Amino acid sequence: MKNYVPSQCPICEGELIITDMHCKSCKTHISGEFYTTKLAKLDPDQLEFVETFIKCRGSIKEMEKELKISYPTVKSRLELIAETMGYKDTEQKDDTRMKVLDSIEKGEMTVEEALKILK
């Protein structure tokens, strides 16, 4: 498994910046302040979900088939990913809670996943 660059400090959860890079081939060394993208904030499972979403060309129906999960679960995971990237939609909060509870009841989502979404 690949090691991804963390975007948050494991101690205080502050934003991490990259200050040092080097090339494996030619040994070039670069120092400075480099920032990651919003996608870098996602954990490996979320990144895999986004890759599948792109592979399915954004079709939620295709996502349901590919991942063998329900429509509400796909929507809930997309909502969590959007929030992780800093895009919050306060209007969907109440609707999301009901869908998350429904997904847990159907066994389509773990309690841990639900807690992440409902935070």
N, C-alpha and C. Protein backbone atom coordinates (compact mmCIF):
# COMPACT_ATOMS: atom_id res chain seq x y z
N MET A 1 0.84 -1.19 0.00
CA MET A 1 0.00 0.00 0.00
C MET A 1 0.88 1.25 0.00
N LYS A 2 0.49 2.23 -0.75
CA LYS A 2 1.25 3.49 -0.84
C LYS A 2 1.07 4.31 0.43
N ASN A 3 2.10 5.07 0.76
CA ASN A 3 2.00 6.04 1.84
C ASN A 3 1.61 7.38 1.23
N TYR A 4 0.48 7.92 1.66
CA TYR A 4 0.03 9.21 1.16
C TYR A 4 0.51 10.32 2.08
N VAL A 5 0.70 11.49 1.53
CA VAL A 5 1.13 12.64 2.31
C VAL A 5 -0.02 13.06 3.21
N PRO A 6 0.20 13.10 4.52
CA PRO A 6 -0.87 13.56 5.41
C PRO A 6 -1.10 15.05 5.23
N SER A 7 -2.33 15.48 5.40
CA SER A 7 -2.62 16.91 5.26
C SER A 7 -2.89 17.56 6.61
N GLN A 8 -3.06 16.73 7.66
CA GLN A 8 -3.33 17.25 8.99
C GLN A 8 -2.28 16.75 9.98
N CYS A 9 -1.93 17.60 10.92
CA CYS A 9 -1.01 17.23 11.99
C CYS A 9 -1.67 16.17 12.87
N PRO A 10 -0.97 15.07 13.14
CA PRO A 10 -1.56 14.03 13.99
C PRO A 10 -1.69 14.46 15.45
N ILE A 11 -1.04 15.53 15.85
CA ILE A 11 -1.10 16.00 17.23
C ILE A 11 -2.21 17.03 17.42
N CYS A 12 -2.18 18.11 16.63
CA CYS A 12 -3.13 19.22 16.84
C CYS A 12 -4.17 19.35 15.74
N GLU A 13 -4.06 18.53 14.68
CA GLU A 13 -4.95 18.56 13.52
C GLU A 13 -4.83 19.83 12.68
N GLY A 14 -3.73 20.58 12.89
CA GLY A 14 -3.47 21.76 12.06
C GLY A 14 -3.05 21.35 10.65
N GLU A 15 -3.07 22.32 9.74
CA GLU A 15 -2.68 22.05 8.36
C GLU A 15 -1.17 21.81 8.26
N LEU A 16 -0.80 20.74 7.57
CA LEU A 16 0.61 20.47 7.32
C LEU A 16 1.00 21.04 5.97
N ILE A 17 2.23 21.53 5.87
CA ILE A 17 2.77 21.96 4.58
C ILE A 17 4.02 21.13 4.29
N ILE A 18 4.29 20.93 3.04
CA ILE A 18 5.48 20.20 2.62
C ILE A 18 6.60 21.22 2.49
N THR A 19 7.73 20.94 3.12
CA THR A 19 8.83 21.91 3.07
C THR A 19 10.07 21.36 2.39
N ASP A 20 10.05 20.08 2.03
CA ASP A 20 11.25 19.48 1.48
C ASP A 20 10.86 18.35 0.53
N MET A 21 11.48 18.32 -0.66
CA MET A 21 11.24 17.26 -1.62
C MET A 21 12.55 16.91 -2.29
N HIS A 22 12.65 15.65 -2.72
CA HIS A 22 13.84 15.31 -3.49
C HIS A 22 13.52 14.22 -4.50
N CYS A 23 14.25 14.27 -5.62
CA CYS A 23 14.05 13.35 -6.74
C CYS A 23 14.83 12.06 -6.50
N LYS A 24 14.16 10.92 -6.64
CA LYS A 24 14.83 9.63 -6.49
C LYS A 24 15.86 9.40 -7.59
N SER A 25 15.58 9.89 -8.79
CA SER A 25 16.46 9.64 -9.94
C SER A 25 17.74 10.48 -9.90
N CYS A 26 17.58 11.80 -9.94
CA CYS A 26 18.76 12.66 -10.08
C CYS A 26 19.21 13.29 -8.76
N LYS A 27 18.48 13.00 -7.70
CA LYS A 27 18.83 13.50 -6.36
C LYS A 27 18.67 15.01 -6.19
N THR A 28 17.93 15.65 -7.10
CA THR A 28 17.65 17.09 -6.94
C THR A 28 16.88 17.28 -5.63
N HIS A 29 17.23 18.33 -4.91
CA HIS A 29 16.62 18.64 -3.62
C HIS A 29 15.95 20.01 -3.73
N ILE A 30 14.68 20.09 -3.34
CA ILE A 30 13.93 21.34 -3.41
C ILE A 30 13.37 21.63 -2.02
N SER A 31 13.58 22.85 -1.53
CA SER A 31 13.03 23.28 -0.24
C SER A 31 12.14 24.48 -0.45
N GLY A 32 11.13 24.61 0.36
CA GLY A 32 10.21 25.74 0.28
C GLY A 32 8.92 25.39 1.00
N GLU A 33 7.87 26.13 0.74
CA GLU A 33 6.56 25.83 1.30
C GLU A 33 5.65 25.41 0.17
N PHE A 34 5.22 24.15 0.21
CA PHE A 34 4.35 23.60 -0.81
C PHE A 34 3.05 23.13 -0.16
N TYR A 35 1.95 23.49 -0.75
CA TYR A 35 0.65 23.15 -0.19
C TYR A 35 -0.01 22.05 -1.02
N THR A 36 -0.80 21.24 -0.36
CA THR A 36 -1.50 20.16 -1.04
C THR A 36 -2.85 20.65 -1.55
N THR A 37 -3.50 19.83 -2.33
CA THR A 37 -4.82 20.16 -2.85
C THR A 37 -5.90 19.72 -1.87
N LYS A 38 -7.13 20.10 -2.13
CA LYS A 38 -8.25 19.67 -1.29
C LYS A 38 -8.41 18.15 -1.34
N LEU A 39 -8.07 17.54 -2.46
CA LEU A 39 -8.15 16.08 -2.57
C LEU A 39 -7.19 15.40 -1.60
N ALA A 40 -6.10 16.06 -1.26
CA ALA A 40 -5.11 15.49 -0.34
C ALA A 40 -5.67 15.35 1.07
N LYS A 41 -6.77 16.01 1.36
CA LYS A 41 -7.40 15.92 2.68
C LYS A 41 -8.16 14.61 2.86
N LEU A 42 -8.41 13.91 1.75
CA LEU A 42 -9.19 12.68 1.81
C LEU A 42 -8.35 11.51 2.28
N ASP A 43 -9.00 10.60 3.02
CA ASP A 43 -8.29 9.39 3.43
C ASP A 43 -8.28 8.41 2.25
N PRO A 44 -7.49 7.34 2.32
CA PRO A 44 -7.38 6.42 1.19
C PRO A 44 -8.72 5.84 0.71
N ASP A 45 -9.63 5.52 1.64
CA ASP A 45 -10.94 5.00 1.24
C ASP A 45 -11.74 6.05 0.47
N GLN A 46 -11.68 7.30 0.92
CA GLN A 46 -12.38 8.37 0.22
C GLN A 46 -11.79 8.60 -1.16
N LEU A 47 -10.47 8.54 -1.27
CA LEU A 47 -9.82 8.70 -2.57
C LEU A 47 -10.25 7.59 -3.53
N GLU A 48 -10.32 6.37 -3.03
CA GLU A 48 -10.76 5.25 -3.86
C GLU A 48 -12.20 5.47 -4.33
N PHE A 49 -13.05 6.00 -3.44
CA PHE A 49 -14.44 6.29 -3.78
C PHE A 49 -14.50 7.35 -4.89
N VAL A 50 -13.69 8.40 -4.76
CA VAL A 50 -13.64 9.46 -5.78
C VAL A 50 -13.16 8.90 -7.11
N GLU A 51 -12.15 8.05 -7.09
CA GLU A 51 -11.66 7.43 -8.32
C GLU A 51 -12.76 6.59 -8.98
N THR A 52 -13.52 5.86 -8.17
CA THR A 52 -14.63 5.07 -8.70
C THR A 52 -15.70 5.98 -9.28
N PHE A 53 -15.96 7.09 -8.60
CA PHE A 53 -16.95 8.06 -9.07
C PHE A 53 -16.56 8.61 -10.45
N ILE A 54 -15.29 8.91 -10.60
CA ILE A 54 -14.79 9.41 -11.89
C ILE A 54 -14.88 8.31 -12.94
N LYS A 55 -14.47 7.10 -12.57
CA LYS A 55 -14.55 5.96 -13.48
C LYS A 55 -15.99 5.76 -13.97
N CYS A 56 -16.96 5.97 -13.08
CA CYS A 56 -18.38 5.82 -13.41
C CYS A 56 -18.96 7.10 -14.03
N ARG A 57 -18.09 8.05 -14.32
CA ARG A 57 -18.47 9.33 -14.95
C ARG A 57 -19.56 10.07 -14.16
N GLY A 58 -19.52 9.93 -12.83
CA GLY A 58 -20.44 10.66 -11.98
C GLY A 58 -21.83 10.05 -11.88
N SER A 59 -22.03 8.88 -12.43
CA SER A 59 -23.34 8.24 -12.38
C SER A 59 -23.53 7.52 -11.05
N ILE A 60 -24.48 8.00 -10.27
CA ILE A 60 -24.74 7.37 -8.98
C ILE A 60 -25.28 5.96 -9.18
N LYS A 61 -26.08 5.75 -10.21
CA LYS A 61 -26.57 4.39 -10.51
C LYS A 61 -25.42 3.44 -10.78
N GLU A 62 -24.42 3.89 -11.52
CA GLU A 62 -23.25 3.05 -11.79
C GLU A 62 -22.45 2.82 -10.51
N MET A 63 -22.38 3.83 -9.66
CA MET A 63 -21.69 3.69 -8.37
C MET A 63 -22.37 2.62 -7.51
N GLU A 64 -23.70 2.64 -7.51
CA GLU A 64 -24.44 1.63 -6.76
C GLU A 64 -24.06 0.22 -7.22
N LYS A 65 -24.00 0.04 -8.54
CA LYS A 65 -23.64 -1.28 -9.10
C LYS A 65 -22.20 -1.64 -8.80
N GLU A 66 -21.30 -0.71 -9.05
CA GLU A 66 -19.86 -0.95 -8.89
C GLU A 66 -19.50 -1.30 -7.45
N LEU A 67 -20.06 -0.54 -6.48
CA LEU A 67 -19.70 -0.72 -5.08
C LEU A 67 -20.69 -1.59 -4.30
N LYS A 68 -21.80 -1.94 -4.96
CA LYS A 68 -22.85 -2.77 -4.33
C LYS A 68 -23.37 -2.10 -3.05
N ILE A 69 -23.68 -0.82 -3.18
CA ILE A 69 -24.25 -0.05 -2.07
C ILE A 69 -25.47 0.71 -2.58
N SER A 70 -26.28 1.20 -1.65
CA SER A 70 -27.52 1.89 -2.02
C SER A 70 -27.29 3.35 -2.42
N TYR A 71 -28.30 3.90 -3.06
CA TYR A 71 -28.28 5.31 -3.46
C TYR A 71 -28.00 6.22 -2.26
N PRO A 72 -28.73 6.04 -1.12
CA PRO A 72 -28.45 6.92 0.03
C PRO A 72 -27.01 6.80 0.54
N THR A 73 -26.43 5.60 0.45
CA THR A 73 -25.06 5.42 0.90
C THR A 73 -24.09 6.16 -0.01
N VAL A 74 -24.32 6.08 -1.32
CA VAL A 74 -23.48 6.83 -2.27
C VAL A 74 -23.58 8.32 -1.96
N LYS A 75 -24.80 8.82 -1.82
CA LYS A 75 -24.99 10.25 -1.55
C LYS A 75 -24.34 10.66 -0.22
N SER A 76 -24.48 9.81 0.80
CA SER A 76 -23.89 10.12 2.11
C SER A 76 -22.38 10.19 2.03
N ARG A 77 -21.78 9.25 1.31
CA ARG A 77 -20.32 9.26 1.18
C ARG A 77 -19.86 10.47 0.37
N LEU A 78 -20.60 10.83 -0.66
CA LEU A 78 -20.26 12.03 -1.43
C LEU A 78 -20.35 13.28 -0.55
N GLU A 79 -21.37 13.33 0.29
CA GLU A 79 -21.54 14.46 1.19
C GLU A 79 -20.37 14.55 2.17
N LEU A 80 -19.95 13.41 2.72
CA LEU A 80 -18.83 13.40 3.65
C LEU A 80 -17.55 13.86 2.96
N ILE A 81 -17.34 13.41 1.74
CA ILE A 81 -16.15 13.80 0.98
C ILE A 81 -16.18 15.31 0.70
N ALA A 82 -17.34 15.82 0.31
CA ALA A 82 -17.47 17.26 0.07
C ALA A 82 -17.17 18.06 1.33
N GLU A 83 -17.66 17.59 2.47
CA GLU A 83 -17.39 18.28 3.74
C GLU A 83 -15.91 18.21 4.10
N THR A 84 -15.30 17.04 3.90
CA THR A 84 -13.88 16.88 4.18
C THR A 84 -13.05 17.86 3.36
N MET A 85 -13.50 18.11 2.13
CA MET A 85 -12.78 19.02 1.25
C MET A 85 -13.12 20.48 1.52
N GLY A 86 -14.03 20.73 2.47
CA GLY A 86 -14.37 22.10 2.85
C GLY A 86 -15.63 22.65 2.23
N TYR A 87 -16.41 21.82 1.56
CA TYR A 87 -17.66 22.25 0.94
C TYR A 87 -18.82 21.78 1.81
N LYS A 88 -19.38 22.67 2.59
CA LYS A 88 -20.46 22.31 3.52
C LYS A 88 -21.81 22.74 2.96
N ASP A 89 -22.79 21.86 3.14
CA ASP A 89 -24.17 22.15 2.71
C ASP A 89 -25.07 21.95 3.92
N THR A 90 -25.37 23.04 4.61
CA THR A 90 -26.15 22.94 5.84
C THR A 90 -27.60 22.53 5.59
N GLU A 91 -28.13 22.77 4.41
CA GLU A 91 -29.52 22.40 4.11
C GLU A 91 -29.73 20.89 4.08
N GLN A 92 -28.70 20.13 3.74
CA GLN A 92 -28.84 18.69 3.61
C GLN A 92 -28.65 17.93 4.92
N LYS A 93 -28.29 18.59 6.00
CA LYS A 93 -27.96 17.92 7.25
C LYS A 93 -29.07 16.99 7.75
N ASP A 94 -30.31 17.49 7.85
CA ASP A 94 -31.40 16.68 8.38
C ASP A 94 -31.69 15.48 7.48
N ASP A 95 -31.71 15.69 6.18
CA ASP A 95 -31.95 14.62 5.22
C ASP A 95 -30.83 13.58 5.29
N THR A 96 -29.62 14.03 5.45
CA THR A 96 -28.47 13.12 5.52
C THR A 96 -28.58 12.22 6.75
N ARG A 97 -28.98 12.78 7.88
CA ARG A 97 -29.11 11.98 9.10
C ARG A 97 -30.06 10.80 8.91
N MET A 98 -31.18 11.06 8.29
CA MET A 98 -32.16 9.99 8.06
C MET A 98 -31.61 8.94 7.11
N LYS A 99 -30.94 9.37 6.07
CA LYS A 99 -30.37 8.42 5.10
C LYS A 99 -29.27 7.58 5.73
N VAL A 100 -28.47 8.21 6.60
CA VAL A 100 -27.40 7.48 7.28
C VAL A 100 -27.99 6.41 8.20
N LEU A 101 -28.99 6.78 8.95
CA LEU A 101 -29.63 5.81 9.85
C LEU A 101 -30.25 4.67 9.06
N ASP A 102 -30.86 4.98 7.94
CA ASP A 102 -31.44 3.96 7.07
C ASP A 102 -30.36 3.03 6.54
N SER A 103 -29.22 3.58 6.14
CA SER A 103 -28.12 2.77 5.61
C SER A 103 -27.53 1.85 6.67
N ILE A 104 -27.45 2.32 7.91
CA ILE A 104 -26.96 1.47 9.00
C ILE A 104 -27.93 0.31 9.21
N GLU A 105 -29.20 0.64 9.24
CA GLU A 105 -30.23 -0.38 9.46
C GLU A 105 -30.19 -1.47 8.39
N LYS A 106 -29.91 -1.08 7.14
CA LYS A 106 -29.86 -2.04 6.04
C LYS A 106 -28.51 -2.75 5.96
N GLY A 107 -27.56 -2.37 6.81
CA GLY A 107 -26.24 -3.00 6.80
C GLY A 107 -25.35 -2.51 5.67
N GLU A 108 -25.67 -1.38 5.08
CA GLU A 108 -24.91 -0.84 3.96
C GLU A 108 -23.77 0.07 4.40
N MET A 109 -23.78 0.42 5.69
CA MET A 109 -22.78 1.36 6.21
C MET A 109 -22.45 0.95 7.63
N THR A 110 -21.20 1.08 8.00
CA THR A 110 -20.80 0.77 9.37
C THR A 110 -21.11 1.96 10.28
N VAL A 111 -21.12 1.70 11.56
CA VAL A 111 -21.35 2.76 12.54
C VAL A 111 -20.22 3.79 12.46
N GLU A 112 -18.98 3.31 12.22
CA GLU A 112 -17.85 4.23 12.12
C GLU A 112 -18.02 5.20 10.95
N GLU A 113 -18.46 4.67 9.79
CA GLU A 113 -18.71 5.53 8.64
C GLU A 113 -19.81 6.54 8.96
N ALA A 114 -20.85 6.06 9.65
CA ALA A 114 -21.98 6.94 10.00
C ALA A 114 -21.52 8.07 10.92
N LEU A 115 -20.67 7.75 11.88
CA LEU A 115 -20.19 8.78 12.80
C LEU A 115 -19.40 9.86 12.08
N LYS A 116 -18.59 9.45 11.08
CA LYS A 116 -17.84 10.43 10.30
C LYS A 116 -18.78 11.37 9.57
N ILE A 117 -19.84 10.80 9.01
CA ILE A 117 -20.79 11.60 8.24
C ILE A 117 -21.56 12.55 9.14
N LEU A 118 -21.96 12.08 10.31
CA LEU A 118 -22.82 12.87 11.18
C LEU A 118 -22.08 13.90 12.02
N LYS A 119 -20.76 13.89 12.00
CA LYS A 119 -19.98 14.88 12.79
C LYS A 119 -20.21 16.27 12.27
